[in-house]
C-alpha atoms as a PDB file:
ATOM      1  CA  UNK A   1      48.022 -51.281 -48.901  1.00  0.00           C
ATOM      2  CA  UNK A   2      49.424 -48.457 -46.815  1.00  0.00           C
ATOM      3  CA  UNK A   3      49.383 -44.888 -48.099  1.00  0.00           C
ATOM      4  CA  UNK A   4      50.556 -41.702 -46.441  1.00  0.00           C
ATOM      5  CA  UNK A   5      47.126 -41.332 -44.838  1.00  0.00           C
ATOM      6  CA  UNK A   6      46.794 -44.914 -43.553  1.00  0.00           C
ATOM      7  CA  UNK A   7      45.668 -48.281 -44.900  1.00  0.00           C
ATOM      8  CA  UNK A   8      43.366 -48.216 -47.924  1.00  0.00           C
ATOM      9  CA  UNK A   9      42.097 -50.576 -50.581  1.00  0.00           C
ATOM     10  CA  UNK A  10      42.749 -49.905 -54.255  1.00  0.00           C
ATOM     11  CA  UNK A  11      39.050 -49.497 -55.047  1.00  0.00           C
ATOM     12  CA  UNK A  12      38.916 -46.593 -52.553  1.00  0.00           C
ATOM     13  CA  UNK A  13      41.455 -44.707 -54.681  1.00  0.00           C
ATOM     14  CA  UNK A  14      39.039 -44.870 -57.619  1.00  0.00           C
ATOM     15  CA  UNK A  15      36.162 -43.095 -55.833  1.00  0.00           C
ATOM     16  CA  UNK A  16      37.243 -39.814 -57.448  1.00  0.00           C
ATOM     17  CA  UNK A  17      36.623 -41.330 -60.925  1.00  0.00           C
ATOM     18  CA  UNK A  18      40.145 -40.304 -61.956  1.00  0.00           C
ATOM     19  CA  UNK A  19      43.018 -42.452 -63.199  1.00  0.00           C
ATOM     20  CA  UNK A  20      45.557 -43.499 -60.558  1.00  0.00           C
ATOM     21  CA  UNK A  21      49.260 -44.124 -60.979  1.00  0.00           C
ATOM     22  CA  UNK A  22      49.925 -46.343 -57.991  1.00  0.00           C
ATOM     23  CA  UNK A  23      53.627 -46.348 -57.086  1.00  0.00           C
ATOM     24  CA  UNK A  24      54.366 -49.234 -54.733  1.00  0.00           C
ATOM     25  CA  UNK A  25      58.149 -48.796 -54.616  1.00  0.00           C
ATOM     26  CA  UNK A  26      58.705 -45.023 -54.266  1.00  0.00           C
ATOM     27  CA  UNK A  27      60.209 -44.616 -57.733  1.00  0.00           C
ATOM     28  CA  UNK A  28      60.915 -40.914 -58.357  1.00  0.00           C
ATOM     29  CA  UNK A  29      61.193 -41.557 -62.113  1.00  0.00           C
ATOM     30  CA  UNK A  30      57.498 -42.530 -62.189  1.00  0.00           C
ATOM     31  CA  UNK A  31      56.481 -39.258 -60.551  1.00  0.00           C
ATOM     32  CA  UNK A  32      58.686 -37.273 -62.938  1.00  0.00           C
ATOM     33  CA  UNK A  33      57.242 -39.092 -65.964  1.00  0.00           C
ATOM     34  CA  UNK A  34      53.626 -38.607 -64.848  1.00  0.00           C
ATOM     35  CA  UNK A  35      54.120 -34.950 -63.886  1.00  0.00           C
ATOM     36  CA  UNK A  36      52.850 -33.730 -67.272  1.00  0.00           C
ATOM     37  CA  UNK A  37      49.539 -35.536 -66.605  1.00  0.00           C
ATOM     38  CA  UNK A  38      49.217 -34.347 -62.971  1.00  0.00           C
ATOM     39  CA  UNK A  39      45.994 -32.469 -63.691  1.00  0.00           C
ATOM     40  CA  UNK A  40      44.382 -35.648 -65.020  1.00  0.00           C
ATOM     41  CA  UNK A  41      46.052 -38.540 -63.170  1.00  0.00           C
ATOM     42  CA  UNK A  42      46.392 -38.986 -59.403  1.00  0.00           C
ATOM     43  CA  UNK A  43      49.811 -40.209 -58.271  1.00  0.00           C
ATOM     44  CA  UNK A  44      49.564 -42.300 -55.110  1.00  0.00           C
ATOM     45  CA  UNK A  45      52.647 -43.619 -53.357  1.00  0.00           C
ATOM     46  CA  UNK A  46      51.884 -46.625 -51.182  1.00  0.00           C
ATOM     47  CA  UNK A  47      53.285 -49.873 -49.912  1.00  0.00           C
ATOM     48  CA  UNK A  48      51.630 -53.229 -50.483  1.00  0.00           C
ATOM     49  CA  UNK A  49      50.758 -55.181 -47.357  1.00  0.00           C
ATOM     50  CA  UNK A  50      51.691 -58.413 -49.168  1.00  0.00           C
ATOM     51  CA  UNK A  51      54.565 -59.550 -51.376  1.00  0.00           C
ATOM     52  CA  UNK A  52      52.140 -61.586 -53.525  1.00  0.00           C
ATOM     53  CA  UNK A  53      48.611 -60.765 -54.684  1.00  0.00           C
ATOM     54  CA  UNK A  54      45.868 -63.320 -55.330  1.00  0.00           C
ATOM     55  CA  UNK A  55      44.996 -63.446 -59.029  1.00  0.00           C
ATOM     56  CA  UNK A  56      42.411 -65.827 -60.365  1.00  0.00           C
ATOM     57  CA  UNK A  57      42.935 -68.281 -62.099  1.00  0.00           C
ATOM     58  CA  UNK A  58      46.718 -68.428 -61.573  1.00  0.00           C
ATOM     59  CA  UNK A  59      46.544 -68.449 -57.750  1.00  0.00           C
ATOM     60  CA  UNK A  60      48.899 -65.562 -56.976  1.00  0.00           C
ATOM     61  CA  UNK A  61      51.476 -63.258 -58.552  1.00  0.00           C
ATOM     62  CA  UNK A  62      54.286 -61.119 -57.134  1.00  0.00           C
ATOM     63  CA  UNK A  63      53.036 -57.666 -56.150  1.00  0.00           C
ATOM     64  CA  UNK A  64      53.861 -55.178 -58.927  1.00  0.00           C
ATOM     65  CA  UNK A  65      56.140 -52.165 -58.506  1.00  0.00           C
ATOM     66  CA  UNK A  66      53.576 -49.794 -60.033  1.00  0.00           C
ATOM     67  CA  UNK A  67      50.195 -49.761 -61.779  1.00  0.00           C
ATOM     68  CA  UNK A  68      48.383 -47.243 -63.961  1.00  0.00           C
ATOM     69  CA  UNK A  69      44.713 -47.843 -63.224  1.00  0.00           C
ATOM     70  CA  UNK A  70      41.968 -46.403 -65.402  1.00  0.00           C
ATOM     71  CA  UNK A  71      38.909 -44.901 -63.662  1.00  0.00           C
ATOM     72  CA  UNK A  72      36.910 -48.041 -64.562  1.00  0.00           C
ATOM     73  CA  UNK A  73      39.386 -50.187 -62.596  1.00  0.00           C
ATOM     74  CA  UNK A  74      41.205 -51.747 -65.545  1.00  0.00           C
ATOM     75  CA  UNK A  75      45.001 -51.720 -65.458  1.00  0.00           C
ATOM     76  CA  UNK A  76      46.453 -49.762 -68.388  1.00  0.00           C
ATOM     77  CA  UNK A  77      50.141 -50.291 -67.532  1.00  0.00           C
ATOM     78  CA  UNK A  78      52.204 -52.153 -64.950  1.00  0.00           C
ATOM     79  CA  UNK A  79      55.793 -52.291 -63.762  1.00  0.00           C
ATOM     80  CA  UNK A  80      56.838 -55.707 -62.561  1.00  0.00           C
ATOM     81  CA  UNK A  81      58.604 -56.067 -59.227  1.00  0.00           C
ATOM     82  CA  UNK A  82      62.362 -56.426 -59.505  1.00  0.00           C
ATOM     83  CA  UNK A  83      62.580 -54.730 -62.912  1.00  0.00           C
ATOM     84  CA  UNK A  84      63.199 -51.179 -64.071  1.00  0.00           C
ATOM     85  CA  UNK A  85      59.857 -49.623 -65.094  1.00  0.00           C
ATOM     86  CA  UNK A  86      59.493 -49.014 -68.837  1.00  0.00           C
ATOM     87  CA  UNK A  87      58.885 -45.251 -68.709  1.00  0.00           C
ATOM     88  CA  UNK A  88      58.386 -45.054 -72.479  1.00  0.00           C
ATOM     89  CA  UNK A  89      55.547 -47.561 -72.200  1.00  0.00           C
ATOM     90  CA  UNK A  90      54.114 -45.552 -69.290  1.00  0.00           C
ATOM     91  CA  UNK A  91      54.141 -42.359 -71.408  1.00  0.00           C
ATOM     92  CA  UNK A  92      52.495 -44.282 -74.261  1.00  0.00           C
ATOM     93  CA  UNK A  93      49.740 -45.573 -71.942  1.00  0.00           C
ATOM     94  CA  UNK A  94      49.201 -42.140 -70.377  1.00  0.00           C
ATOM     95  CA  UNK A  95      48.893 -40.558 -73.824  1.00  0.00           C
ATOM     96  CA  UNK A  96      46.650 -43.302 -75.243  1.00  0.00           C
ATOM     97  CA  UNK A  97      44.198 -43.240 -72.338  1.00  0.00           C
ATOM     98  CA  UNK A  98      44.375 -39.686 -70.990  1.00  0.00           C
ATOM     99  CA  UNK A  99      45.566 -37.482 -73.850  1.00  0.00           C
ATOM    100  CA  UNK A 100      48.847 -35.775 -74.646  1.00  0.00           C
ATOM    101  CA  UNK A 101      51.178 -34.428 -71.978  1.00  0.00           C
ATOM    102  CA  UNK A 102      50.567 -30.874 -70.850  1.00  0.00           C
ATOM    103  CA  UNK A 103      53.235 -28.398 -71.919  1.00  0.00           C
ATOM    104  CA  UNK A 104      55.394 -26.965 -69.148  1.00  0.00           C
END
């Protein structure tokens, strides 16, 4: 995966022990939705080096458009490639795992 500061692996993003919203398509709506959790969730915009990712036991799957990854590495929310991200579901996942949105 390529980020603004070069190629990195997803596990490297988790070294801070903070949740990561990984935006693989440059969707400004994701950033706007996650803005109220900015103090608790890292937003990383990147590009996947591959169109498909290996996933055991199904062989491979299309690379997602975005992922919300908990600090323990589990995926709490995903946006599938080629679809409009469900921002309501993203807000629900952010609230369930990382608390309510911060007031502006």
